[in-house]
Amino acid sequence: MRRKNPPEIPAVKAEGTYLYLTENGTWPEKPHVILTTALFWLEEGMLLELEDLRPGTGAMGSLMRVRVLEVRPRVRLFPGWYGQVVVHVLAEPALSPEEAEEALRLRLEEA
């Protein structure tokens, strides 16, 4: 069972990424996944594939394509000289090329 509040990236790590999934374009309260590296190379509009590796979920090995909507880098300051870079990424489910083609075909048929 997941915790009520997601864990924080430990202060001893220099960087991290919180990846949030949305259906309506708003930032959810909790991230979908927390990575212990900063994905600086992500840009809005990029496509990513998320592979489910959780055993016993029935979805193990499945891929989900997502489109990056927004990237928000943040620097966290701690007492002393050191800080932490955290990248917040908002993404939405994206259609595969086949699904996009089918959706376009259905829209054209309705028109």
N, C-alpha and C. Protein backbone atom coordinates (compact mmCIF):
# COMPACT_ATOMS: atom_id res chain seq x y z
N MET A 1 0.84 -1.17 0.00
CA MET A 1 0.00 0.00 0.00
C MET A 1 0.88 1.23 0.00
N ARG A 2 0.53 2.21 -0.82
CA ARG A 2 1.31 3.43 -0.90
C ARG A 2 1.05 4.33 0.30
N ARG A 3 2.04 5.12 0.65
CA ARG A 3 1.89 6.07 1.74
C ARG A 3 0.88 7.13 1.36
N LYS A 4 0.31 7.76 2.36
CA LYS A 4 -0.63 8.85 2.12
C LYS A 4 0.08 10.01 1.43
N ASN A 5 1.27 10.35 1.91
CA ASN A 5 2.08 11.40 1.30
C ASN A 5 3.27 10.75 0.62
N PRO A 6 3.61 11.18 -0.61
CA PRO A 6 4.75 10.56 -1.28
C PRO A 6 6.04 10.92 -0.56
N PRO A 7 7.03 10.06 -0.62
CA PRO A 7 8.30 10.36 0.05
C PRO A 7 9.02 11.51 -0.65
N GLU A 8 9.84 12.19 0.08
CA GLU A 8 10.65 13.26 -0.48
C GLU A 8 11.95 12.66 -1.02
N ILE A 9 12.55 13.34 -1.97
CA ILE A 9 13.89 12.95 -2.41
C ILE A 9 14.83 13.28 -1.26
N PRO A 10 15.63 12.32 -0.80
CA PRO A 10 16.48 12.59 0.37
C PRO A 10 17.43 13.76 0.11
N ALA A 11 17.68 14.56 1.13
CA ALA A 11 18.54 15.73 1.01
C ALA A 11 19.97 15.36 0.60
N VAL A 12 20.37 14.12 0.86
CA VAL A 12 21.74 13.71 0.51
C VAL A 12 21.89 13.49 -1.00
N LYS A 13 20.76 13.38 -1.73
CA LYS A 13 20.82 13.27 -3.19
C LYS A 13 20.87 14.68 -3.77
N ALA A 14 21.69 14.90 -4.77
CA ALA A 14 21.87 16.23 -5.34
C ALA A 14 20.76 16.60 -6.32
N GLU A 15 20.00 15.61 -6.77
CA GLU A 15 18.99 15.90 -7.79
C GLU A 15 17.88 14.87 -7.76
N GLY A 16 16.76 15.23 -8.41
CA GLY A 16 15.64 14.31 -8.50
C GLY A 16 14.59 14.85 -9.46
N THR A 17 13.67 13.98 -9.84
CA THR A 17 12.58 14.35 -10.74
C THR A 17 11.28 13.77 -10.19
N TYR A 18 10.24 14.62 -10.14
CA TYR A 18 8.89 14.19 -9.82
C TYR A 18 8.10 14.21 -11.12
N LEU A 19 7.56 13.07 -11.51
CA LEU A 19 6.76 12.98 -12.74
C LEU A 19 5.29 12.83 -12.36
N TYR A 20 4.48 13.79 -12.78
CA TYR A 20 3.05 13.82 -12.49
C TYR A 20 2.28 13.48 -13.75
N LEU A 21 1.24 12.66 -13.64
CA LEU A 21 0.36 12.35 -14.77
C LEU A 21 -0.97 13.06 -14.56
N THR A 22 -1.50 13.64 -15.63
CA THR A 22 -2.76 14.37 -15.57
C THR A 22 -3.67 13.94 -16.70
N GLU A 23 -4.94 14.06 -16.48
CA GLU A 23 -5.94 13.81 -17.52
C GLU A 23 -6.54 15.12 -18.01
N ASN A 24 -6.46 16.16 -17.17
CA ASN A 24 -7.14 17.42 -17.50
C ASN A 24 -6.21 18.63 -17.55
N GLY A 25 -4.91 18.42 -17.53
CA GLY A 25 -3.96 19.51 -17.65
C GLY A 25 -3.59 20.19 -16.36
N THR A 26 -4.17 19.77 -15.22
CA THR A 26 -3.83 20.38 -13.93
C THR A 26 -2.81 19.50 -13.20
N TRP A 27 -2.08 20.13 -12.31
CA TRP A 27 -1.06 19.41 -11.54
C TRP A 27 -1.73 18.60 -10.44
N PRO A 28 -1.55 17.26 -10.45
CA PRO A 28 -2.09 16.44 -9.36
C PRO A 28 -1.36 16.72 -8.04
N GLU A 29 -1.98 16.31 -6.96
CA GLU A 29 -1.38 16.51 -5.65
C GLU A 29 -0.14 15.64 -5.46
N LYS A 30 -0.17 14.41 -6.00
CA LYS A 30 0.92 13.46 -5.80
C LYS A 30 1.55 13.07 -7.14
N PRO A 31 2.87 12.85 -7.15
CA PRO A 31 3.52 12.41 -8.38
C PRO A 31 3.21 10.94 -8.67
N HIS A 32 3.31 10.58 -9.93
CA HIS A 32 3.13 9.19 -10.36
C HIS A 32 4.39 8.39 -10.02
N VAL A 33 5.54 9.02 -10.19
CA VAL A 33 6.82 8.36 -9.90
C VAL A 33 7.84 9.42 -9.50
N ILE A 34 8.78 9.03 -8.63
CA ILE A 34 9.87 9.91 -8.21
C ILE A 34 11.17 9.25 -8.65
N LEU A 35 11.98 9.99 -9.38
CA LEU A 35 13.27 9.50 -9.86
C LEU A 35 14.39 10.19 -9.10
N THR A 36 15.48 9.49 -8.84
CA THR A 36 16.59 10.08 -8.09
C THR A 36 17.65 10.66 -9.02
N THR A 37 17.22 11.12 -10.18
CA THR A 37 18.07 11.85 -11.10
C THR A 37 17.24 12.96 -11.73
N ALA A 38 17.87 14.04 -12.12
CA ALA A 38 17.14 15.17 -12.71
C ALA A 38 17.12 15.01 -14.22
N LEU A 39 15.93 14.96 -14.78
CA LEU A 39 15.78 14.82 -16.23
C LEU A 39 15.74 16.20 -16.88
N PHE A 40 16.90 16.86 -16.92
CA PHE A 40 17.00 18.21 -17.48
C PHE A 40 16.71 18.25 -18.96
N TRP A 41 16.93 17.16 -19.65
CA TRP A 41 16.80 17.13 -21.10
C TRP A 41 15.35 17.07 -21.57
N LEU A 42 14.39 16.91 -20.66
CA LEU A 42 12.98 16.87 -21.06
C LEU A 42 12.51 18.23 -21.55
N GLU A 43 11.72 18.22 -22.62
CA GLU A 43 11.15 19.45 -23.17
C GLU A 43 9.66 19.25 -23.37
N GLU A 44 8.93 20.36 -23.32
CA GLU A 44 7.48 20.29 -23.55
C GLU A 44 7.22 19.73 -24.94
N GLY A 45 6.25 18.83 -25.03
CA GLY A 45 5.91 18.19 -26.30
C GLY A 45 6.60 16.85 -26.53
N MET A 46 7.64 16.54 -25.76
CA MET A 46 8.35 15.26 -25.93
C MET A 46 7.45 14.10 -25.53
N LEU A 47 7.69 12.97 -26.15
CA LEU A 47 6.99 11.74 -25.78
C LEU A 47 7.92 10.87 -24.96
N LEU A 48 7.37 10.24 -23.92
CA LEU A 48 8.10 9.29 -23.08
C LEU A 48 7.31 8.00 -23.03
N GLU A 49 7.99 6.91 -22.79
CA GLU A 49 7.32 5.64 -22.53
C GLU A 49 7.59 5.26 -21.08
N LEU A 50 6.53 4.99 -20.35
CA LEU A 50 6.65 4.52 -18.97
C LEU A 50 6.38 3.02 -18.97
N GLU A 51 7.34 2.24 -18.48
CA GLU A 51 7.17 0.79 -18.44
C GLU A 51 6.86 0.37 -17.01
N ASP A 52 5.76 -0.34 -16.83
CA ASP A 52 5.33 -0.78 -15.52
C ASP A 52 6.12 -2.04 -15.13
N LEU A 53 6.90 -1.94 -14.07
CA LEU A 53 7.70 -3.08 -13.61
C LEU A 53 7.26 -3.59 -12.25
N ARG A 54 6.06 -3.18 -11.83
CA ARG A 54 5.57 -3.64 -10.52
C ARG A 54 4.99 -5.04 -10.65
N PRO A 55 5.55 -6.00 -9.92
CA PRO A 55 5.02 -7.37 -10.00
C PRO A 55 3.65 -7.47 -9.34
N GLY A 56 2.85 -8.37 -9.84
CA GLY A 56 1.55 -8.64 -9.22
C GLY A 56 0.47 -7.63 -9.53
N THR A 57 0.71 -6.71 -10.44
CA THR A 57 -0.31 -5.70 -10.76
C THR A 57 -1.13 -6.10 -11.98
N GLY A 58 -0.69 -7.08 -12.71
CA GLY A 58 -1.37 -7.46 -13.94
C GLY A 58 -0.97 -6.58 -15.10
N ALA A 59 -0.23 -5.52 -14.82
CA ALA A 59 0.20 -4.61 -15.87
C ALA A 59 1.72 -4.67 -16.08
N MET A 60 2.38 -5.59 -15.41
CA MET A 60 3.83 -5.66 -15.49
C MET A 60 4.28 -5.82 -16.94
N GLY A 61 5.20 -4.96 -17.33
CA GLY A 61 5.73 -5.00 -18.69
C GLY A 61 4.96 -4.12 -19.67
N SER A 62 3.81 -3.57 -19.26
CA SER A 62 3.04 -2.74 -20.18
C SER A 62 3.69 -1.36 -20.33
N LEU A 63 3.54 -0.77 -21.50
CA LEU A 63 4.09 0.54 -21.78
C LEU A 63 2.97 1.56 -21.88
N MET A 64 3.20 2.75 -21.32
CA MET A 64 2.27 3.86 -21.45
C MET A 64 3.04 5.02 -22.08
N ARG A 65 2.51 5.53 -23.18
CA ARG A 65 3.13 6.70 -23.81
C ARG A 65 2.52 7.96 -23.19
N VAL A 66 3.41 8.90 -22.83
CA VAL A 66 2.95 10.17 -22.27
C VAL A 66 3.63 11.32 -23.00
N ARG A 67 2.94 12.46 -23.05
CA ARG A 67 3.47 13.67 -23.65
C ARG A 67 3.77 14.67 -22.53
N VAL A 68 4.96 15.26 -22.56
CA VAL A 68 5.35 16.24 -21.55
C VAL A 68 4.62 17.56 -21.82
N LEU A 69 3.91 18.05 -20.82
CA LEU A 69 3.17 19.31 -20.94
C LEU A 69 3.96 20.48 -20.38
N GLU A 70 4.64 20.26 -19.25
CA GLU A 70 5.35 21.35 -18.60
C GLU A 70 6.52 20.80 -17.79
N VAL A 71 7.61 21.54 -17.76
CA VAL A 71 8.79 21.18 -16.98
C VAL A 71 9.12 22.36 -16.07
N ARG A 72 9.19 22.10 -14.76
CA ARG A 72 9.47 23.15 -13.77
C ARG A 72 10.70 22.75 -12.93
N PRO A 73 11.88 23.25 -13.28
CA PRO A 73 13.05 22.99 -12.43
C PRO A 73 12.98 23.85 -11.16
N ARG A 74 13.46 23.31 -10.07
CA ARG A 74 13.46 24.04 -8.79
C ARG A 74 14.76 23.72 -8.07
N VAL A 75 15.32 24.73 -7.42
CA VAL A 75 16.51 24.52 -6.59
C VAL A 75 16.08 24.62 -5.14
N ARG A 76 16.36 23.57 -4.38
CA ARG A 76 16.06 23.55 -2.95
C ARG A 76 17.32 23.95 -2.19
N LEU A 77 17.15 24.83 -1.23
CA LEU A 77 18.28 25.29 -0.42
C LEU A 77 18.21 24.67 0.96
N PHE A 78 19.35 24.17 1.42
CA PHE A 78 19.45 23.57 2.74
C PHE A 78 20.45 24.39 3.56
N PRO A 79 20.47 24.21 4.87
CA PRO A 79 21.48 24.91 5.68
C PRO A 79 22.89 24.54 5.19
N GLY A 80 23.76 25.51 5.14
CA GLY A 80 25.12 25.27 4.67
C GLY A 80 25.26 25.67 3.20
N TRP A 81 26.20 25.07 2.53
CA TRP A 81 26.54 25.45 1.15
C TRP A 81 25.76 24.69 0.10
N TYR A 82 25.22 23.56 0.42
CA TYR A 82 24.71 22.67 -0.60
C TYR A 82 23.20 22.79 -0.79
N GLY A 83 22.74 22.45 -1.99
CA GLY A 83 21.32 22.46 -2.32
C GLY A 83 20.99 21.23 -3.15
N GLN A 84 19.83 21.25 -3.72
CA GLN A 84 19.34 20.12 -4.48
C GLN A 84 18.53 20.65 -5.67
N VAL A 85 18.70 20.04 -6.83
CA VAL A 85 17.92 20.39 -8.00
C VAL A 85 16.80 19.37 -8.15
N VAL A 86 15.56 19.86 -8.24
CA VAL A 86 14.41 18.98 -8.42
C VAL A 86 13.65 19.46 -9.65
N VAL A 87 13.35 18.53 -10.53
CA VAL A 87 12.60 18.86 -11.75
C VAL A 87 11.19 18.28 -11.61
N HIS A 88 10.17 19.14 -11.69
CA HIS A 88 8.78 18.71 -11.67
C HIS A 88 8.30 18.65 -13.11
N VAL A 89 7.76 17.50 -13.51
CA VAL A 89 7.34 17.28 -14.89
C VAL A 89 5.87 16.89 -14.91
N LEU A 90 5.09 17.62 -15.69
CA LEU A 90 3.67 17.30 -15.87
C LEU A 90 3.50 16.66 -17.24
N ALA A 91 2.87 15.49 -17.27
CA ALA A 91 2.68 14.75 -18.52
C ALA A 91 1.25 14.23 -18.59
N GLU A 92 0.79 14.00 -19.82
CA GLU A 92 -0.54 13.43 -20.03
C GLU A 92 -0.41 12.20 -20.92
N PRO A 93 -1.33 11.24 -20.79
CA PRO A 93 -1.29 10.08 -21.67
C PRO A 93 -1.35 10.52 -23.13
N ALA A 94 -0.55 9.88 -23.96
CA ALA A 94 -0.51 10.21 -25.38
C ALA A 94 -0.94 8.99 -26.19
N LEU A 95 -1.58 9.24 -27.28
CA LEU A 95 -2.03 8.16 -28.15
C LEU A 95 -0.86 7.62 -28.96
N SER A 96 -0.87 6.32 -29.22
CA SER A 96 0.11 5.74 -30.12
C SER A 96 -0.22 6.22 -31.53
N PRO A 97 0.69 6.11 -32.48
CA PRO A 97 0.38 6.53 -33.85
C PRO A 97 -0.87 5.84 -34.41
N GLU A 98 -1.05 4.57 -34.09
CA GLU A 98 -2.23 3.84 -34.57
C GLU A 98 -3.51 4.38 -33.93
N GLU A 99 -3.45 4.65 -32.62
CA GLU A 99 -4.62 5.20 -31.92
C GLU A 99 -4.95 6.60 -32.42
N ALA A 100 -3.93 7.40 -32.68
CA ALA A 100 -4.17 8.75 -33.19
C ALA A 100 -4.80 8.71 -34.57
N GLU A 101 -4.35 7.79 -35.41
CA GLU A 101 -4.92 7.64 -36.76
C GLU A 101 -6.38 7.20 -36.67
N GLU A 102 -6.68 6.27 -35.78
CA GLU A 102 -8.06 5.80 -35.61
C GLU A 102 -8.95 6.92 -35.07
N ALA A 103 -8.45 7.69 -34.11
CA ALA A 103 -9.24 8.81 -33.56
C ALA A 103 -9.52 9.85 -34.64
N LEU A 104 -8.54 10.13 -35.48
CA LEU A 104 -8.73 11.09 -36.57
C LEU A 104 -9.76 10.55 -37.56
N ARG A 105 -9.68 9.26 -37.89
CA ARG A 105 -10.64 8.66 -38.82
C ARG A 105 -12.06 8.76 -38.26
N LEU A 106 -12.24 8.49 -36.95
CA LEU A 106 -13.56 8.58 -36.34
C LEU A 106 -14.08 10.01 -36.34
N ARG A 107 -13.20 10.98 -36.09
CA ARG A 107 -13.64 12.39 -36.12
C ARG A 107 -14.07 12.81 -37.52
N LEU A 108 -13.34 12.34 -38.53
CA LEU A 108 -13.67 12.69 -39.91
C LEU A 108 -15.01 12.05 -40.32
N GLU A 109 -15.27 10.84 -39.84
CA GLU A 109 -16.53 10.16 -40.14
C GLU A 109 -17.72 10.89 -39.50
N GLU A 110 -17.49 11.44 -38.29
CA GLU A 110 -18.56 12.15 -37.59
C GLU A 110 -18.88 13.49 -38.25
N ALA A 111 -17.91 14.08 -38.90
CA ALA A 111 -18.10 15.41 -39.52
C ALA A 111 -18.91 15.37 -40.80
